[in-house]
PDB file of N, CA and C in Angstrom:
ATOM      1  N   MET A   1     108.423 -24.750 139.673  1.00  0.00           N
ATOM      2  CA  MET A   1     108.522 -24.887 138.096  1.00  0.00           C
ATOM      3  C   MET A   1     109.929 -25.706 137.947  1.00  0.00           C
ATOM      4  N   PHE A   2     110.368 -26.852 137.936  1.00  0.00           N
ATOM      5  CA  PHE A   2     111.590 -27.599 137.928  1.00  0.00           C
ATOM      6  C   PHE A   2     112.377 -27.291 139.315  1.00  0.00           C
ATOM      7  N   GLY A   3     111.415 -27.138 140.342  1.00  0.00           N
ATOM      8  CA  GLY A   3     112.374 -26.990 141.600  1.00  0.00           C
ATOM      9  C   GLY A   3     112.323 -25.694 142.066  1.00  0.00           C
ATOM     10  N   VAL A   4     112.084 -24.528 141.102  1.00  0.00           N
ATOM     11  CA  VAL A   4     112.124 -23.275 141.526  1.00  0.00           C
ATOM     12  C   VAL A   4     110.905 -22.574 142.258  1.00  0.00           C
ATOM     13  N   PRO A   5     110.622 -22.157 143.330  1.00  0.00           N
ATOM     14  CA  PRO A   5     109.525 -22.008 143.633  1.00  0.00           C
ATOM     15  C   PRO A   5     108.955 -20.605 142.793  1.00  0.00           C
ATOM     16  N   VAL A   6     107.509 -20.663 142.601  1.00  0.00           N
ATOM     17  CA  VAL A   6     106.985 -19.643 141.604  1.00  0.00           C
ATOM     18  C   VAL A   6     105.555 -19.680 142.283  1.00  0.00           C
ATOM     19  N   THR A   7     104.928 -18.223 141.849  1.00  0.00           N
ATOM     20  CA  THR A   7     103.463 -17.720 142.482  1.00  0.00           C
ATOM     21  C   THR A   7     103.015 -17.654 140.990  1.00  0.00           C
ATOM     22  N   GLY A   8     101.685 -17.773 140.570  1.00  0.00           N
ATOM     23  CA  GLY A   8     101.206 -17.784 139.438  1.00  0.00           C
ATOM     24  C   GLY A   8      99.788 -16.762 139.527  1.00  0.00           C
ATOM     25  N   MET A   9      99.503 -16.293 138.436  1.00  0.00           N
ATOM     26  CA  MET A   9      98.203 -15.636 138.154  1.00  0.00           C
ATOM     27  C   MET A   9      97.828 -15.971 136.749  1.00  0.00           C
ATOM     28  N   GLY A  10      96.417 -16.142 136.309  1.00  0.00           N
ATOM     29  CA  GLY A  10      96.197 -16.053 135.238  1.00  0.00           C
ATOM     30  C   GLY A  10      94.337 -15.731 134.992  1.00  0.00           C
ATOM     31  N   SER A  11      93.905 -16.079 133.539  1.00  0.00           N
ATOM     32  CA  SER A  11      92.737 -15.333 133.413  1.00  0.00           C
ATOM     33  C   SER A  11      92.404 -16.608 132.513  1.00  0.00           C
ATOM     34  N   TYR A  12      91.128 -17.255 132.329  1.00  0.00           N
ATOM     35  CA  TYR A  12      90.878 -18.186 131.801  1.00  0.00           C
ATOM     36  C   TYR A  12      89.355 -18.156 131.496  1.00  0.00           C
ATOM     37  N   THR A  13      88.708 -17.884 130.051  1.00  0.00           N
ATOM     38  CA  THR A  13      87.629 -17.678 129.593  1.00  0.00           C
ATOM     39  C   THR A  13      87.211 -19.220 128.797  1.00  0.00           C
ATOM     40  N   SER A  14      85.762 -19.712 129.487  1.00  0.00           N
ATOM     41  CA  SER A  14      85.466 -20.860 128.758  1.00  0.00           C
ATOM     42  C   SER A  14      83.959 -20.599 128.391  1.00  0.00           C
ATOM     43  N   VAL A  15      83.621 -21.452 127.210  1.00  0.00           N
ATOM     44  CA  VAL A  15      82.340 -21.558 127.019  1.00  0.00           C
ATOM     45  C   VAL A  15      81.698 -22.645 126.510  1.00  0.00           C
ATOM     46  N   VAL A  16      80.394 -22.678 127.001  1.00  0.00           N
ATOM     47  CA  VAL A  16      80.067 -24.313 126.780  1.00  0.00           C
ATOM     48  C   VAL A  16      79.374 -24.406 125.592  1.00  0.00           C
ATOM     49  N   ARG A  17      79.578 -25.620 124.811  1.00  0.00           N
ATOM     50  CA  ARG A  17      79.046 -25.995 123.503  1.00  0.00           C
ATOM     51  C   ARG A  17      77.800 -26.385 123.056  1.00  0.00           C
ATOM     52  N   ALA A  18      77.084 -26.508 122.486  1.00  0.00           N
ATOM     53  CA  ALA A  18      76.046 -27.209 122.357  1.00  0.00           C
ATOM     54  C   ALA A  18      76.076 -28.684 122.691  1.00  0.00           C
ATOM     55  N   ASP A  19      76.938 -29.473 122.515  1.00  0.00           N
ATOM     56  CA  ASP A  19      76.901 -30.851 123.184  1.00  0.00           C
ATOM     57  C   ASP A  19      77.361 -30.860 124.569  1.00  0.00           C
ATOM     58  N   GLY A  20      77.371 -29.718 125.419  1.00  0.00           N
ATOM     59  CA  GLY A  20      77.847 -29.545 126.857  1.00  0.00           C
ATOM     60  C   GLY A  20      78.989 -29.859 127.048  1.00  0.00           C
ATOM     61  N   SER A  21      79.825 -29.908 125.887  1.00  0.00           N
ATOM     62  CA  SER A  21      81.406 -29.936 126.558  1.00  0.00           C
ATOM     63  C   SER A  21      81.856 -28.389 126.492  1.00  0.00           C
ATOM     64  N   ILE A  22      82.848 -28.100 127.002  1.00  0.00           N
ATOM     65  CA  ILE A  22      83.493 -26.983 127.551  1.00  0.00           C
ATOM     66  C   ILE A  22      85.011 -26.690 126.263  1.00  0.00           C
ATOM     67  N   PHE A  23      84.847 -25.430 126.108  1.00  0.00           N
ATOM     68  CA  PHE A  23      86.003 -25.127 125.595  1.00  0.00           C
ATOM     69  C   PHE A  23      86.837 -23.780 126.196  1.00  0.00           C
ATOM     70  N   GLY A  24      87.995 -23.815 126.504  1.00  0.00           N
ATOM     71  CA  GLY A  24      88.531 -22.706 126.850  1.00  0.00           C
ATOM     72  C   GLY A  24      90.128 -22.114 126.588  1.00  0.00           C
ATOM     73  N   HIS A  25      90.238 -20.931 126.555  1.00  0.00           N
ATOM     74  CA  HIS A  25      91.429 -20.501 126.313  1.00  0.00           C
ATOM     75  C   HIS A  25      91.753 -19.294 127.306  1.00  0.00           C
ATOM     76  N   GLY A  26      92.957 -19.287 127.746  1.00  0.00           N
ATOM     77  CA  GLY A  26      93.396 -18.354 128.695  1.00  0.00           C
ATOM     78  C   GLY A  26      94.805 -17.767 128.697  1.00  0.00           C
ATOM     79  N   GLN A  27      95.379 -16.861 129.261  1.00  0.00           N
ATOM     80  CA  GLN A  27      96.834 -16.508 129.711  1.00  0.00           C
ATOM     81  C   GLN A  27      97.145 -16.164 131.085  1.00  0.00           C
ATOM     82  N   GLY A  28      98.675 -16.196 131.246  1.00  0.00           N
ATOM     83  CA  GLY A  28      98.662 -15.862 132.762  1.00  0.00           C
ATOM     84  C   GLY A  28     100.444 -15.817 132.560  1.00  0.00           C
ATOM     85  N   MET A  29     100.723 -15.656 134.271  1.00  0.00           N
ATOM     86  CA  MET A  29     102.101 -15.460 134.340  1.00  0.00           C
ATOM     87  C   MET A  29     102.451 -16.210 135.612  1.00  0.00           C
ATOM     88  N   SER A  30     103.514 -16.802 135.893  1.00  0.00           N
ATOM     89  CA  SER A  30     104.317 -17.047 137.151  1.00  0.00           C
ATOM     90  C   SER A  30     105.507 -16.238 137.055  1.00  0.00           C
ATOM     91  N   THR A  31     105.885 -15.821 138.525  1.00  0.00           N
ATOM     92  CA  THR A  31     107.229 -15.208 139.023  1.00  0.00           C
ATOM     93  C   THR A  31     108.030 -16.096 140.208  1.00  0.00           C
ATOM     94  N   THR A  32     109.557 -15.665 140.010  1.00  0.00           N
ATOM     95  CA  THR A  32     110.007 -16.058 140.765  1.00  0.00           C
ATOM     96  C   THR A  32     110.102 -15.485 141.946  1.00  0.00           C
ATOM     97  N   ASN A  33     110.632 -15.929 143.351  1.00  0.00           N
ATOM     98  CA  ASN A  33     111.196 -15.090 144.209  1.00  0.00           C
ATOM     99  C   ASN A  33     112.026 -13.979 143.787  1.00  0.00           C
ATOM    100  N   GLU A  34     112.933 -14.287 142.959  1.00  0.00           N
ATOM    101  CA  GLU A  34     113.622 -13.140 142.235  1.00  0.00           C
ATOM    102  C   GLU A  34     113.332 -12.040 141.313  1.00  0.00           C
ATOM    103  N   GLY A  35     111.715 -12.236 141.226  1.00  0.00           N
ATOM    104  CA  GLY A  35     111.174 -11.679 139.905  1.00  0.00           C
ATOM    105  C   GLY A  35     111.289 -11.613 138.742  1.00  0.00           C
ATOM    106  N   GLU A  36     111.603 -12.866 138.517  1.00  0.00           N
ATOM    107  CA  GLU A  36     111.865 -13.331 136.972  1.00  0.00           C
ATOM    108  C   GLU A  36     110.321 -14.085 136.654  1.00  0.00           C
ATOM    109  N   ALA A  37     110.016 -13.751 135.298  1.00  0.00           N
ATOM    110  CA  ALA A  37     108.635 -14.210 135.008  1.00  0.00           C
ATOM    111  C   ALA A  37     108.555 -15.327 133.634  1.00  0.00           C
ATOM    112  N   VAL A  38     107.798 -16.035 133.941  1.00  0.00           N
ATOM    113  CA  VAL A  38     107.438 -16.718 132.738  1.00  0.00           C
ATOM    114  C   VAL A  38     105.830 -16.968 132.226  1.00  0.00           C
ATOM    115  N   THR A  39     105.553 -16.437 131.025  1.00  0.00           N
ATOM    116  CA  THR A  39     104.511 -16.334 130.835  1.00  0.00           C
ATOM    117  C   THR A  39     103.716 -17.176 129.825  1.00  0.00           C
ATOM    118  N   TRP A  40     102.564 -17.713 130.088  1.00  0.00           N
ATOM    119  CA  TRP A  40     101.723 -19.141 129.573  1.00  0.00           C
ATOM    120  C   TRP A  40     100.533 -18.555 128.644  1.00  0.00           C
ATOM    121  N   THR A  41     100.236 -19.225 127.634  1.00  0.00           N
ATOM    122  CA  THR A  41      98.763 -18.980 126.953  1.00  0.00           C
ATOM    123  C   THR A  41      98.220 -20.701 127.036  1.00  0.00           C
ATOM    124  N   ALA A  42      97.101 -20.889 126.943  1.00  0.00           N
ATOM    125  CA  ALA A  42      96.484 -22.081 127.179  1.00  0.00           C
ATOM    126  C   ALA A  42      95.429 -22.514 126.609  1.00  0.00           C
ATOM    127  N   THR A  43      95.129 -23.381 125.712  1.00  0.00           N
ATOM    128  CA  THR A  43      93.404 -23.889 125.268  1.00  0.00           C
ATOM    129  C   THR A  43      93.219 -25.206 125.847  1.00  0.00           C
ATOM    130  N   GLY A  44      91.830 -25.510 126.280  1.00  0.00           N
ATOM    131  CA  GLY A  44      91.763 -26.661 126.607  1.00  0.00           C
ATOM    132  C   GLY A  44      90.432 -27.121 126.796  1.00  0.00           C
ATOM    133  N   LEU A  45      89.934 -28.381 126.796  1.00  0.00           N
ATOM    134  CA  LEU A  45      88.724 -29.044 126.513  1.00  0.00           C
ATOM    135  C   LEU A  45      87.872 -29.217 128.127  1.00  0.00           C
ATOM    136  N   GLY A  46      87.005 -29.077 128.480  1.00  0.00           N
ATOM    137  CA  GLY A  46      86.422 -29.606 129.917  1.00  0.00           C
ATOM    138  C   GLY A  46      84.912 -30.410 129.619  1.00  0.00           C
ATOM    139  N   ARG A  47      84.619 -30.587 131.058  1.00  0.00           N
ATOM    140  CA  ARG A  47      83.144 -31.172 131.209  1.00  0.00           C
ATOM    141  C   ARG A  47      82.890 -30.972 132.567  1.00  0.00           C
ATOM    142  N   PHE A  48      81.364 -31.097 132.777  1.00  0.00           N
ATOM    143  CA  PHE A  48      80.901 -30.807 133.877  1.00  0.00           C
ATOM    144  C   PHE A  48      80.768 -32.036 134.565  1.00  0.00           C
ATOM    145  N   GLY A  49      81.169 -32.163 135.876  1.00  0.00           N
ATOM    146  CA  GLY A  49      81.077 -33.533 136.675  1.00  0.00           C
ATOM    147  C   GLY A  49      79.512 -33.497 137.396  1.00  0.00           C
ATOM    148  N   PRO A  50      80.148 -34.677 138.649  1.00  0.00           N
ATOM    149  CA  PRO A  50      78.650 -34.493 139.528  1.00  0.00           C
ATOM    150  C   PRO A  50      79.051 -33.198 140.420  1.00  0.00           C
ATOM    151  N   GLY A  51      77.515 -32.762 141.031  1.00  0.00           N
ATOM    152  CA  GLY A  51      77.433 -31.839 142.002  1.00  0.00           C
ATOM    153  C   GLY A  51      77.988 -30.382 141.599  1.00  0.00           C
ATOM    154  N   GLY A  52      78.526 -30.112 140.094  1.00  0.00           N
ATOM    155  CA  GLY A  52      78.708 -28.753 139.777  1.00  0.00           C
ATOM    156  C   GLY A  52      80.389 -29.234 139.505  1.00  0.00           C
ATOM    157  N   SER A  53      81.125 -29.951 139.687  1.00  0.00           N
ATOM    158  CA  SER A  53      82.486 -29.892 139.366  1.00  0.00           C
ATOM    159  C   SER A  53      82.640 -29.843 138.290  1.00  0.00           C
ATOM    160  N   VAL A  54      84.029 -29.497 137.541  1.00  0.00           N
ATOM    161  CA  VAL A  54      84.344 -29.403 136.290  1.00  0.00           C
ATOM    162  C   VAL A  54      86.091 -29.871 136.166  1.00  0.00           C
ATOM    163  N   SER A  55      86.227 -30.502 134.789  1.00  0.00           N
ATOM    164  CA  SER A  55      87.283 -31.245 134.740  1.00  0.00           C
ATOM    165  C   SER A  55      87.723 -30.611 133.083  1.00  0.00           C
ATOM    166  N   TYR A  56      89.134 -30.128 133.322  1.00  0.00           N
ATOM    167  CA  TYR A  56      89.719 -29.312 132.023  1.00  0.00           C
ATOM    168  C   TYR A  56      91.151 -30.307 132.028  1.00  0.00           C
ATOM    169  N   ARG A  57      91.191 -30.527 130.573  1.00  0.00           N
ATOM    170  CA  ARG A  57      92.848 -31.303 130.272  1.00  0.00           C
ATOM    171  C   ARG A  57      92.723 -30.291 128.927  1.00  0.00           C
ATOM    172  N   GLY A  58      94.230 -29.985 128.780  1.00  0.00           N
ATOM    173  CA  GLY A  58      94.869 -29.066 127.663  1.00  0.00           C
ATOM    174  C   GLY A  58      96.217 -29.027 127.293  1.00  0.00           C
ATOM    175  N   MET A  59      96.340 -27.852 126.834  1.00  0.00           N
ATOM    176  CA  MET A  59      97.885 -27.796 126.443  1.00  0.00           C
ATOM    177  C   MET A  59      98.600 -26.478 126.905  1.00  0.00           C
ATOM    178  N   LEU A  60      99.515 -26.170 127.518  1.00  0.00           N
ATOM    179  CA  LEU A  60     100.049 -24.601 128.125  1.00  0.00           C
ATOM    180  C   LEU A  60     101.558 -24.351 127.081  1.00  0.00           C
ATOM    181  N   PHE A  61     101.521 -23.203 126.339  1.00  0.00           N
ATOM    182  CA  PHE A  61     102.710 -22.938 125.884  1.00  0.00           C
ATOM    183  C   PHE A  61     103.290 -21.822 126.410  1.00  0.00           C
ATOM    184  N   PHE A  62     104.948 -21.861 126.671  1.00  0.00           N
ATOM    185  CA  PHE A  62     105.180 -20.886 127.535  1.00  0.00           C
ATOM    186  C   PHE A  62     106.465 -20.180 126.885  1.00  0.00           C
ATOM    187  N   ARG A  63     106.523 -19.184 127.332  1.00  0.00           N
ATOM    188  CA  ARG A  63     108.048 -17.975 127.347  1.00  0.00           C
ATOM    189  C   ARG A  63     108.199 -17.031 128.485  1.00  0.00           C
ATOM    190  N   THR A  64     109.447 -17.357 128.285  1.00  0.00           N
ATOM    191  CA  THR A  64     110.352 -16.574 129.433  1.00  0.00           C
ATOM    192  C   THR A  64     111.622 -15.875 128.927  1.00  0.00           C
ATOM    193  N   THR A  65     112.287 -15.186 129.740  1.00  0.00           N
ATOM    194  CA  THR A  65     113.660 -14.527 129.952  1.00  0.00           C
ATOM    195  C   THR A  65     114.296 -15.123 130.907  1.00  0.00           C
ATOM    196  N   SER A  66     113.938 -15.705 131.677  1.00  0.00           N
ATOM    197  CA  SER A  66     114.664 -16.139 132.942  1.00  0.00           C
ATOM    198  C   SER A  66     115.155 -17.363 132.462  1.00  0.00           C
ATOM    199  N   LYS A  67     116.503 -17.317 133.112  1.00  0.00           N
ATOM    200  CA  LYS A  67     117.794 -18.063 132.734  1.00  0.00           C
ATOM    201  C   LYS A  67     117.296 -19.254 133.569  1.00  0.00           C
ATOM    202  N   LYS A  68     116.755 -19.343 135.051  1.00  0.00           N
ATOM    203  CA  LYS A  68     116.165 -20.470 135.488  1.00  0.00           C
ATOM    204  C   LYS A  68     115.055 -21.268 134.749  1.00  0.00           C
ATOM    205  N   LEU A  69     114.607 -20.763 134.217  1.00  0.00           N
ATOM    206  CA  LEU A  69     113.413 -21.458 133.766  1.00  0.00           C
ATOM    207  C   LEU A  69     113.253 -21.496 132.262  1.00  0.00           C
ATOM    208  N   ALA A  70     114.150 -21.188 131.298  1.00  0.00           N
ATOM    209  CA  ALA A  70     114.629 -21.149 130.064  1.00  0.00           C
ATOM    210  C   ALA A  70     114.470 -22.304 129.275  1.00  0.00           C
ATOM    211  N   ARG A  71     114.634 -23.236 129.772  1.00  0.00           N
ATOM    212  CA  ARG A  71     113.913 -24.561 129.286  1.00  0.00           C
ATOM    213  C   ARG A  71     112.443 -24.502 128.985  1.00  0.00           C
ATOM    214  N   LEU A  72     111.801 -23.779 129.664  1.00  0.00           N
ATOM    215  CA  LEU A  72     110.341 -23.480 129.185  1.00  0.00           C
ATOM    216  C   LEU A  72     109.928 -23.183 127.819  1.00  0.00           C
ATOM    217  N   ASN A  73     111.394 -22.563 127.314  1.00  0.00           N
ATOM    218  CA  ASN A  73     110.946 -21.571 126.037  1.00  0.00           C
ATOM    219  C   ASN A  73     110.811 -22.483 124.758  1.00  0.00           C
ATOM    220  N   ASN A  74     109.740 -22.641 124.085  1.00  0.00           N
ATOM    221  CA  ASN A  74     109.620 -23.266 122.849  1.00  0.00           C
ATOM    222  C   ASN A  74     109.192 -24.957 123.476  1.00  0.00           C
ATOM    223  N   THR A  75     108.732 -24.723 124.629  1.00  0.00           N
ATOM    224  CA  THR A  75     107.800 -26.166 125.031  1.00  0.00           C
ATOM    225  C   THR A  75     106.583 -25.840 125.302  1.00  0.00           C
ATOM    226  N   CYS A  76     106.012 -27.164 125.324  1.00  0.00           N
ATOM    227  CA  CYS A  76     104.616 -26.988 125.895  1.00  0.00           C
ATOM    228  C   CYS A  76     104.139 -27.977 127.064  1.00  0.00           C
ATOM    229  N   GLY A  77     102.980 -27.711 127.529  1.00  0.00           N
ATOM    230  CA  GLY A  77     102.784 -28.821 128.787  1.00  0.00           C
ATOM    231  C   GLY A  77     101.737 -29.144 128.620  1.00  0.00           C
ATOM    232  N   ALA A  78     101.179 -30.281 128.957  1.00  0.00           N
ATOM    233  CA  ALA A  78      99.767 -30.873 129.109  1.00  0.00           C
ATOM    234  C   ALA A  78      99.651 -30.534 130.537  1.00  0.00           C
ATOM    235  N   PHE A  79      98.545 -29.878 130.629  1.00  0.00           N
ATOM    236  CA  PHE A  79      97.326 -29.598 131.825  1.00  0.00           C
ATOM    237  C   PHE A  79      96.485 -30.287 132.132  1.00  0.00           C
ATOM    238  N   GLU A  80      96.225 -30.277 133.565  1.00  0.00           N
ATOM    239  CA  GLU A  80      94.774 -31.131 134.308  1.00  0.00           C
ATOM    240  C   GLU A  80      94.507 -29.642 134.978  1.00  0.00           C
ATOM    241  N   TYR A  81      93.464 -29.727 135.085  1.00  0.00           N
ATOM    242  CA  TYR A  81      92.678 -28.601 136.099  1.00  0.00           C
ATOM    243  C   TYR A  81      91.216 -29.216 136.910  1.00  0.00           C
ATOM    244  N   GLU A  82      91.351 -29.362 137.595  1.00  0.00           N
ATOM    245  CA  GLU A  82      90.010 -30.013 138.460  1.00  0.00           C
ATOM    246  C   GLU A  82      89.163 -28.825 139.347  1.00  0.00           C
ATOM    247  N   VAL A  83      87.864 -28.745 139.237  1.00  0.00           N
ATOM    248  CA  VAL A  83      87.387 -27.826 140.296  1.00  0.00           C
ATOM    249  C   VAL A  83      86.419 -28.653 140.767  1.00  0.00           C
ATOM    250  N   ASP A  84      86.370 -28.648 142.463  1.00  0.00           N
ATOM    251  CA  ASP A  84      85.244 -29.386 143.282  1.00  0.00           C
ATOM    252  C   ASP A  84      83.681 -28.876 143.253  1.00  0.00           C
ATOM    253  N   PRO A  85      82.794 -29.425 143.883  1.00  0.00           N
ATOM    254  CA  PRO A  85      81.611 -28.825 143.812  1.00  0.00           C
ATOM    255  C   PRO A  85      81.348 -27.439 144.568  1.00  0.00           C
ATOM    256  N   LYS A  86      82.758 -27.372 145.452  1.00  0.00           N
ATOM    257  CA  LYS A  86      82.744 -26.204 146.645  1.00  0.00           C
ATOM    258  C   LYS A  86      83.534 -25.088 145.934  1.00  0.00           C
ATOM    259  N   GLY A  87      84.170 -25.232 144.796  1.00  0.00           N
ATOM    260  CA  GLY A  87      85.080 -24.451 144.275  1.00  0.00           C
ATOM    261  C   GLY A  87      86.676 -24.400 144.176  1.00  0.00           C
ATOM    262  N   SER A  88      86.847 -25.487 145.366  1.00  0.00           N
ATOM    263  CA  SER A  88      88.700 -25.559 145.376  1.00  0.00           C
ATOM    264  C   SER A  88      89.235 -26.355 144.181  1.00  0.00           C
ATOM    265  N   THR A  89      90.407 -26.020 143.885  1.00  0.00           N
ATOM    266  CA  THR A  89      90.970 -26.175 142.420  1.00  0.00           C
ATOM    267  C   THR A  89      92.005 -27.051 142.755  1.00  0.00           C
ATOM    268  N   VAL A  90      92.591 -28.059 141.925  1.00  0.00           N
ATOM    269  CA  VAL A  90      93.771 -28.561 141.671  1.00  0.00           C
ATOM    270  C   VAL A  90      94.384 -28.233 140.442  1.00  0.00           C
ATOM    271  N   SER A  91      95.639 -27.968 140.034  1.00  0.00           N
ATOM    272  CA  SER A  91      96.038 -28.010 138.853  1.00  0.00           C
ATOM    273  C   SER A  91      97.459 -28.556 138.832  1.00  0.00           C
ATOM    274  N   LYS A  92      97.651 -29.391 137.810  1.00  0.00           N
ATOM    275  CA  LYS A  92      98.797 -30.169 137.215  1.00  0.00           C
ATOM    276  C   LYS A  92      99.130 -29.681 136.267  1.00  0.00           C
ATOM    277  N   PHE A  93     100.445 -29.710 135.819  1.00  0.00           N
ATOM    278  CA  PHE A  93     101.070 -29.729 134.088  1.00  0.00           C
ATOM    279  C   PHE A  93     102.217 -30.307 134.377  1.00  0.00           C
ATOM    280  N   TRP A  94     102.731 -30.991 133.023  1.00  0.00           N
ATOM    281  CA  TRP A  94     103.625 -31.807 132.659  1.00  0.00           C
ATOM    282  C   TRP A  94     104.400 -31.206 131.519  1.00  0.00           C
ATOM    283  N   GLU A  95     105.678 -31.227 131.458  1.00  0.00           N
ATOM    284  CA  GLU A  95     106.244 -30.786 130.325  1.00  0.00           C
ATOM    285  C   GLU A  95     106.463 -31.892 129.365  1.00  0.00           C
ATOM    286  N   TRP A  96     105.661 -31.603 127.794  1.00  0.00           N
ATOM    287  CA  TRP A  96     105.619 -32.817 127.050  1.00  0.00           C
ATOM    288  C   TRP A  96     107.061 -32.437 126.072  1.00  0.00           C
ATOM    289  N   LYS A  97     107.601 -33.852 126.031  1.00  0.00           N
ATOM    290  CA  LYS A  97     109.014 -33.689 125.118  1.00  0.00           C
ATOM    291  C   LYS A  97     108.664 -34.647 124.059  1.00  0.00           C
TER     292      LYS A  97
END
């Protein structure tokens, strides 16, 4: 994040709506190599794709006491999260200024 190496984990729960769309929310955290943490909550919408793939778009809301990542406080980030038919994932997020 912003050039600082982090390791992350989280939990995200999704519900398929009557129209076939997916609504989800979750929480998690990332830690720097020095043990500083940034936590996040997220809400997003998704859809199923070919072969069982899933595509989500949503917003992340960050909190931290880390000096290196302090600029994340009071910010939100747009995210994309893709799951292919084999279960491999790719996630990206952008700071929304």
